[in-house]
Amino acid sequence: MAPFRNGQKVVCINEGPDWMFRDTQIKKGRVYTVKDNLKVLGIDGITLYEVECKTAPGWTKSWFKPACNKKTDIRVFTRMLKKRPEKA
């Protein structure tokens, strides 16, 4: 999994303590901002600006997905499919 960018918005997709990072301050469905990427014992993790992990260096990265605040707009693609008038 590619690292998240610092400052990127992510959504928590899991909740409760995991096997490595026992902190439960994060909540499923909430949006957080990535502070940094880290790796502990071969496990990818992240730190967040909104909450400080008090019992471990960070949270397991697989518990998050990128937040998408843009709605998909396919107008540009539908315009490409329209026929253009032929030039004489």
Foldseek 3Di string as FASTA:
>chain_A
DDDDDQQFKKFFQDAAADPPQHDGPDDHGDIWGFHDWDADPNFIFTATPVDGRPRDRGGGPVRIDGDDPDDDDCVVVVVVVDDDDDDD
